[in-house]
Amino acid sequence: MNEAERDKPIDFVQFNYALDDRAAEQPLLPLAAERGVAVLINRPSGEGALIRRLNRLAVPDFAAEIQCASWSELALKYLAAHEAVTCLIPPPAIPRI
């Protein structure tokens, strides 16, 4: 990579971020927020194992207050709420039992 390419500003980044894969919370999300770089999130449901396990439990009462009817919706809302997250790339199918 030459110097001109290295100094070119980055418009956006794209990486994995899910409730069971939160490695991006430090340092990627804060760095993107600090530099004003848009963040696209891949695989917000991870492999789906966590959502499948959670689906065995009742959705908490507060979920209705924030317009969530499922664990998948709660997870997506949590991830999207991070100040650095610009967009979630939805999974091809919401994992369900």
N, C-alpha and C. Protein backbone atom coordinates (compact mmCIF):
# COMPACT_ATOMS: atom_id res chain seq x y z
N MET A 1 0.85 -1.18 0.00
CA MET A 1 0.00 0.00 0.00
C MET A 1 0.90 1.24 0.00
N ASN A 2 0.63 2.16 -0.92
CA ASN A 2 1.43 3.38 -0.97
C ASN A 2 0.87 4.42 0.00
N GLU A 3 1.60 5.51 0.18
CA GLU A 3 1.23 6.53 1.16
C GLU A 3 -0.13 7.16 0.85
N ALA A 4 -0.43 7.41 -0.41
CA ALA A 4 -1.71 8.01 -0.80
C ALA A 4 -2.87 7.08 -0.42
N GLU A 5 -2.70 5.80 -0.64
CA GLU A 5 -3.76 4.84 -0.27
C GLU A 5 -3.92 4.77 1.24
N ARG A 6 -2.82 4.83 1.97
CA ARG A 6 -2.86 4.73 3.42
C ARG A 6 -3.55 5.95 4.03
N ASP A 7 -3.39 7.12 3.44
CA ASP A 7 -3.95 8.35 3.98
C ASP A 7 -5.38 8.62 3.50
N LYS A 8 -5.89 7.81 2.60
CA LYS A 8 -7.25 7.99 2.10
C LYS A 8 -8.25 7.71 3.24
N PRO A 9 -9.19 8.61 3.46
CA PRO A 9 -10.15 8.40 4.56
C PRO A 9 -11.03 7.16 4.32
N ILE A 10 -11.40 6.52 5.40
CA ILE A 10 -12.28 5.35 5.33
C ILE A 10 -13.71 5.83 5.55
N ASP A 11 -14.60 5.48 4.62
CA ASP A 11 -16.00 5.87 4.73
C ASP A 11 -16.78 4.95 5.66
N PHE A 12 -16.52 3.64 5.52
CA PHE A 12 -17.25 2.68 6.34
C PHE A 12 -16.43 1.43 6.56
N VAL A 13 -16.81 0.69 7.60
CA VAL A 13 -16.23 -0.61 7.88
C VAL A 13 -17.37 -1.60 8.07
N GLN A 14 -17.06 -2.87 7.91
CA GLN A 14 -18.07 -3.91 8.05
C GLN A 14 -17.42 -5.07 8.81
N PHE A 15 -18.06 -5.50 9.90
CA PHE A 15 -17.52 -6.61 10.67
C PHE A 15 -18.64 -7.29 11.45
N ASN A 16 -18.31 -8.46 12.02
CA ASN A 16 -19.27 -9.23 12.81
C ASN A 16 -19.47 -8.59 14.17
N TYR A 17 -20.72 -8.63 14.65
CA TYR A 17 -21.06 -8.16 15.99
C TYR A 17 -22.39 -8.81 16.33
N ALA A 18 -22.41 -9.58 17.41
CA ALA A 18 -23.62 -10.27 17.85
C ALA A 18 -23.56 -10.38 19.37
N LEU A 19 -24.68 -10.74 19.99
CA LEU A 19 -24.68 -10.87 21.44
C LEU A 19 -23.67 -11.90 21.92
N ASP A 20 -23.43 -12.93 21.12
CA ASP A 20 -22.46 -13.95 21.52
C ASP A 20 -21.12 -13.78 20.79
N ASP A 21 -20.91 -12.63 20.17
CA ASP A 21 -19.63 -12.30 19.52
C ASP A 21 -19.45 -10.78 19.64
N ARG A 22 -19.04 -10.34 20.82
CA ARG A 22 -18.97 -8.92 21.10
C ARG A 22 -17.55 -8.38 21.08
N ALA A 23 -16.64 -9.08 20.42
CA ALA A 23 -15.24 -8.66 20.36
C ALA A 23 -15.09 -7.27 19.74
N ALA A 24 -16.00 -6.87 18.89
CA ALA A 24 -15.91 -5.57 18.21
C ALA A 24 -16.19 -4.39 19.14
N GLU A 25 -16.78 -4.66 20.31
CA GLU A 25 -17.09 -3.54 21.21
C GLU A 25 -15.84 -2.77 21.62
N GLN A 26 -14.72 -3.45 21.72
CA GLN A 26 -13.44 -2.83 22.05
C GLN A 26 -12.41 -3.44 21.14
N PRO A 27 -11.73 -2.75 20.34
CA PRO A 27 -11.67 -1.31 20.15
C PRO A 27 -12.40 -0.80 18.92
N LEU A 28 -12.98 -1.69 18.08
CA LEU A 28 -13.49 -1.26 16.78
C LEU A 28 -14.63 -0.26 16.85
N LEU A 29 -15.66 -0.53 17.65
CA LEU A 29 -16.80 0.40 17.69
C LEU A 29 -16.41 1.78 18.24
N PRO A 30 -15.67 1.86 19.34
CA PRO A 30 -15.27 3.20 19.81
C PRO A 30 -14.39 3.95 18.80
N LEU A 31 -13.50 3.24 18.14
CA LEU A 31 -12.63 3.87 17.15
C LEU A 31 -13.43 4.41 15.97
N ALA A 32 -14.40 3.63 15.50
CA ALA A 32 -15.25 4.09 14.40
C ALA A 32 -16.05 5.32 14.82
N ALA A 33 -16.59 5.30 16.03
CA ALA A 33 -17.36 6.46 16.52
C ALA A 33 -16.46 7.70 16.62
N GLU A 34 -15.27 7.52 17.14
CA GLU A 34 -14.32 8.63 17.30
C GLU A 34 -13.96 9.25 15.96
N ARG A 35 -13.81 8.41 14.93
CA ARG A 35 -13.38 8.91 13.62
C ARG A 35 -14.52 9.19 12.65
N GLY A 36 -15.76 8.97 13.10
CA GLY A 36 -16.90 9.26 12.24
C GLY A 36 -17.03 8.31 11.07
N VAL A 37 -16.61 7.07 11.26
CA VAL A 37 -16.68 6.05 10.21
C VAL A 37 -17.98 5.27 10.37
N ALA A 38 -18.73 5.12 9.30
CA ALA A 38 -19.97 4.34 9.34
C ALA A 38 -19.65 2.87 9.59
N VAL A 39 -20.53 2.19 10.34
CA VAL A 39 -20.31 0.79 10.70
C VAL A 39 -21.49 -0.05 10.23
N LEU A 40 -21.19 -1.04 9.38
CA LEU A 40 -22.18 -2.03 8.95
C LEU A 40 -21.88 -3.31 9.72
N ILE A 41 -22.89 -3.88 10.31
CA ILE A 41 -22.71 -5.08 11.14
C ILE A 41 -23.16 -6.32 10.38
N ASN A 42 -22.22 -7.28 10.28
CA ASN A 42 -22.50 -8.60 9.71
C ASN A 42 -23.02 -9.52 10.81
N ARG A 43 -23.73 -10.53 10.42
CA ARG A 43 -24.10 -11.64 11.28
C ARG A 43 -24.58 -11.21 12.66
N PRO A 44 -25.58 -10.32 12.76
CA PRO A 44 -26.05 -9.87 14.06
C PRO A 44 -26.68 -10.98 14.89
N SER A 45 -26.97 -12.11 14.29
CA SER A 45 -27.48 -13.26 15.04
C SER A 45 -26.39 -14.31 15.24
N GLY A 46 -25.16 -13.98 14.88
CA GLY A 46 -24.07 -14.95 15.00
C GLY A 46 -24.42 -16.20 14.21
N GLU A 47 -24.18 -17.33 14.82
CA GLU A 47 -24.55 -18.60 14.21
C GLU A 47 -25.99 -18.97 14.54
N GLY A 48 -26.64 -18.18 15.39
CA GLY A 48 -28.03 -18.43 15.76
C GLY A 48 -28.21 -19.29 16.99
N ALA A 49 -27.13 -19.86 17.53
CA ALA A 49 -27.24 -20.76 18.68
C ALA A 49 -27.79 -20.04 19.91
N LEU A 50 -27.32 -18.84 20.18
CA LEU A 50 -27.81 -18.11 21.36
C LEU A 50 -29.30 -17.82 21.23
N ILE A 51 -29.74 -17.36 20.08
CA ILE A 51 -31.16 -17.05 19.88
C ILE A 51 -32.00 -18.31 20.02
N ARG A 52 -31.52 -19.43 19.48
CA ARG A 52 -32.27 -20.70 19.63
C ARG A 52 -32.40 -21.07 21.10
N ARG A 53 -31.34 -20.87 21.88
CA ARG A 53 -31.42 -21.17 23.33
C ARG A 53 -32.37 -20.21 24.02
N LEU A 54 -32.28 -18.93 23.70
CA LEU A 54 -33.16 -17.94 24.33
C LEU A 54 -34.62 -18.17 23.96
N ASN A 55 -34.87 -18.65 22.76
CA ASN A 55 -36.25 -18.87 22.33
C ASN A 55 -36.98 -19.90 23.18
N ARG A 56 -36.24 -20.66 23.97
CA ARG A 56 -36.87 -21.61 24.90
C ARG A 56 -37.45 -20.91 26.12
N LEU A 57 -37.05 -19.66 26.31
CA LEU A 57 -37.50 -18.86 27.45
C LEU A 57 -38.54 -17.84 27.00
N ALA A 58 -39.36 -17.43 27.93
CA ALA A 58 -40.33 -16.37 27.63
C ALA A 58 -39.59 -15.05 27.41
N VAL A 59 -40.09 -14.27 26.49
CA VAL A 59 -39.53 -12.94 26.26
C VAL A 59 -39.89 -12.09 27.48
N PRO A 60 -38.95 -11.32 28.02
CA PRO A 60 -39.25 -10.50 29.21
C PRO A 60 -40.38 -9.51 28.96
N ASP A 61 -41.08 -9.17 30.03
CA ASP A 61 -42.22 -8.25 29.93
C ASP A 61 -41.84 -6.90 29.32
N PHE A 62 -40.64 -6.40 29.63
CA PHE A 62 -40.26 -5.08 29.12
C PHE A 62 -40.14 -5.05 27.60
N ALA A 63 -40.03 -6.20 26.98
CA ALA A 63 -39.86 -6.25 25.52
C ALA A 63 -41.03 -5.57 24.80
N ALA A 64 -42.23 -5.79 25.29
CA ALA A 64 -43.40 -5.17 24.66
C ALA A 64 -43.32 -3.64 24.73
N GLU A 65 -42.74 -3.12 25.80
CA GLU A 65 -42.61 -1.67 25.96
C GLU A 65 -41.70 -1.05 24.91
N ILE A 66 -40.79 -1.85 24.37
CA ILE A 66 -39.87 -1.34 23.34
C ILE A 66 -40.18 -1.98 21.98
N GLN A 67 -41.41 -2.42 21.81
CA GLN A 67 -41.92 -2.98 20.56
C GLN A 67 -41.14 -4.19 20.05
N CYS A 68 -40.79 -5.09 20.97
CA CYS A 68 -40.11 -6.33 20.60
C CYS A 68 -40.98 -7.52 21.01
N ALA A 69 -41.23 -8.42 20.08
CA ALA A 69 -42.04 -9.59 20.36
C ALA A 69 -41.22 -10.87 20.45
N SER A 70 -39.91 -10.78 20.21
CA SER A 70 -39.09 -11.99 20.22
C SER A 70 -37.69 -11.65 20.72
N TRP A 71 -36.95 -12.72 21.06
CA TRP A 71 -35.55 -12.55 21.44
C TRP A 71 -34.72 -12.00 20.29
N SER A 72 -35.03 -12.41 19.08
CA SER A 72 -34.30 -11.91 17.91
C SER A 72 -34.46 -10.39 17.79
N GLU A 73 -35.68 -9.92 17.97
CA GLU A 73 -35.91 -8.48 17.90
C GLU A 73 -35.18 -7.74 19.01
N LEU A 74 -35.18 -8.31 20.22
CA LEU A 74 -34.45 -7.69 21.33
C LEU A 74 -32.95 -7.61 21.03
N ALA A 75 -32.40 -8.70 20.51
CA ALA A 75 -30.97 -8.72 20.19
C ALA A 75 -30.63 -7.68 19.13
N LEU A 76 -31.43 -7.62 18.07
CA LEU A 76 -31.17 -6.65 17.01
C LEU A 76 -31.28 -5.22 17.53
N LYS A 77 -32.27 -4.97 18.37
CA LYS A 77 -32.45 -3.62 18.92
C LYS A 77 -31.26 -3.24 19.81
N TYR A 78 -30.77 -4.20 20.60
CA TYR A 78 -29.61 -3.94 21.45
C TYR A 78 -28.38 -3.57 20.59
N LEU A 79 -28.12 -4.36 19.58
CA LEU A 79 -26.95 -4.12 18.73
C LEU A 79 -27.07 -2.79 17.99
N ALA A 80 -28.25 -2.50 17.48
CA ALA A 80 -28.47 -1.27 16.71
C ALA A 80 -28.39 -0.03 17.60
N ALA A 81 -28.57 -0.20 18.90
CA ALA A 81 -28.56 0.94 19.82
C ALA A 81 -27.16 1.49 20.07
N HIS A 82 -26.13 0.74 19.74
CA HIS A 82 -24.78 1.25 19.96
C HIS A 82 -24.57 2.49 19.10
N GLU A 83 -24.01 3.53 19.69
CA GLU A 83 -23.86 4.81 18.99
C GLU A 83 -23.05 4.72 17.71
N ALA A 84 -22.15 3.76 17.62
CA ALA A 84 -21.29 3.66 16.44
C ALA A 84 -21.93 2.86 15.30
N VAL A 85 -22.96 2.09 15.60
CA VAL A 85 -23.56 1.22 14.58
C VAL A 85 -24.45 2.04 13.65
N THR A 86 -24.17 1.95 12.37
CA THR A 86 -24.94 2.65 11.36
C THR A 86 -26.05 1.77 10.80
N CYS A 87 -25.72 0.50 10.56
CA CYS A 87 -26.67 -0.39 9.88
C CYS A 87 -26.36 -1.84 10.25
N LEU A 88 -27.40 -2.62 10.44
CA LEU A 88 -27.28 -4.07 10.63
C LEU A 88 -27.64 -4.75 9.33
N ILE A 89 -26.83 -5.69 8.90
CA ILE A 89 -27.18 -6.49 7.73
C ILE A 89 -27.99 -7.65 8.25
N PRO A 90 -29.26 -7.71 7.93
CA PRO A 90 -30.12 -8.74 8.54
C PRO A 90 -29.72 -10.14 8.11
N PRO A 91 -29.92 -11.10 9.02
CA PRO A 91 -29.64 -12.48 8.65
C PRO A 91 -30.64 -12.94 7.60
N PRO A 92 -30.28 -13.95 6.80
CA PRO A 92 -31.20 -14.43 5.78
C PRO A 92 -32.51 -14.93 6.37
N ALA A 93 -32.43 -15.46 7.58
CA ALA A 93 -33.64 -15.92 8.29
C ALA A 93 -33.39 -15.72 9.77
N ILE A 94 -34.39 -15.24 10.49
CA ILE A 94 -34.27 -15.08 11.92
C ILE A 94 -34.30 -16.49 12.54
N PRO A 95 -33.29 -16.86 13.31
CA PRO A 95 -33.28 -18.20 13.90
C PRO A 95 -34.46 -18.41 14.84
N ARG A 96 -35.15 -19.49 14.66
CA ARG A 96 -36.29 -19.86 15.51
C ARG A 96 -36.23 -21.34 15.80
N ILE A 97 -36.94 -21.75 16.82
CA ILE A 97 -37.02 -23.19 17.13
C ILE A 97 -38.05 -23.82 16.24
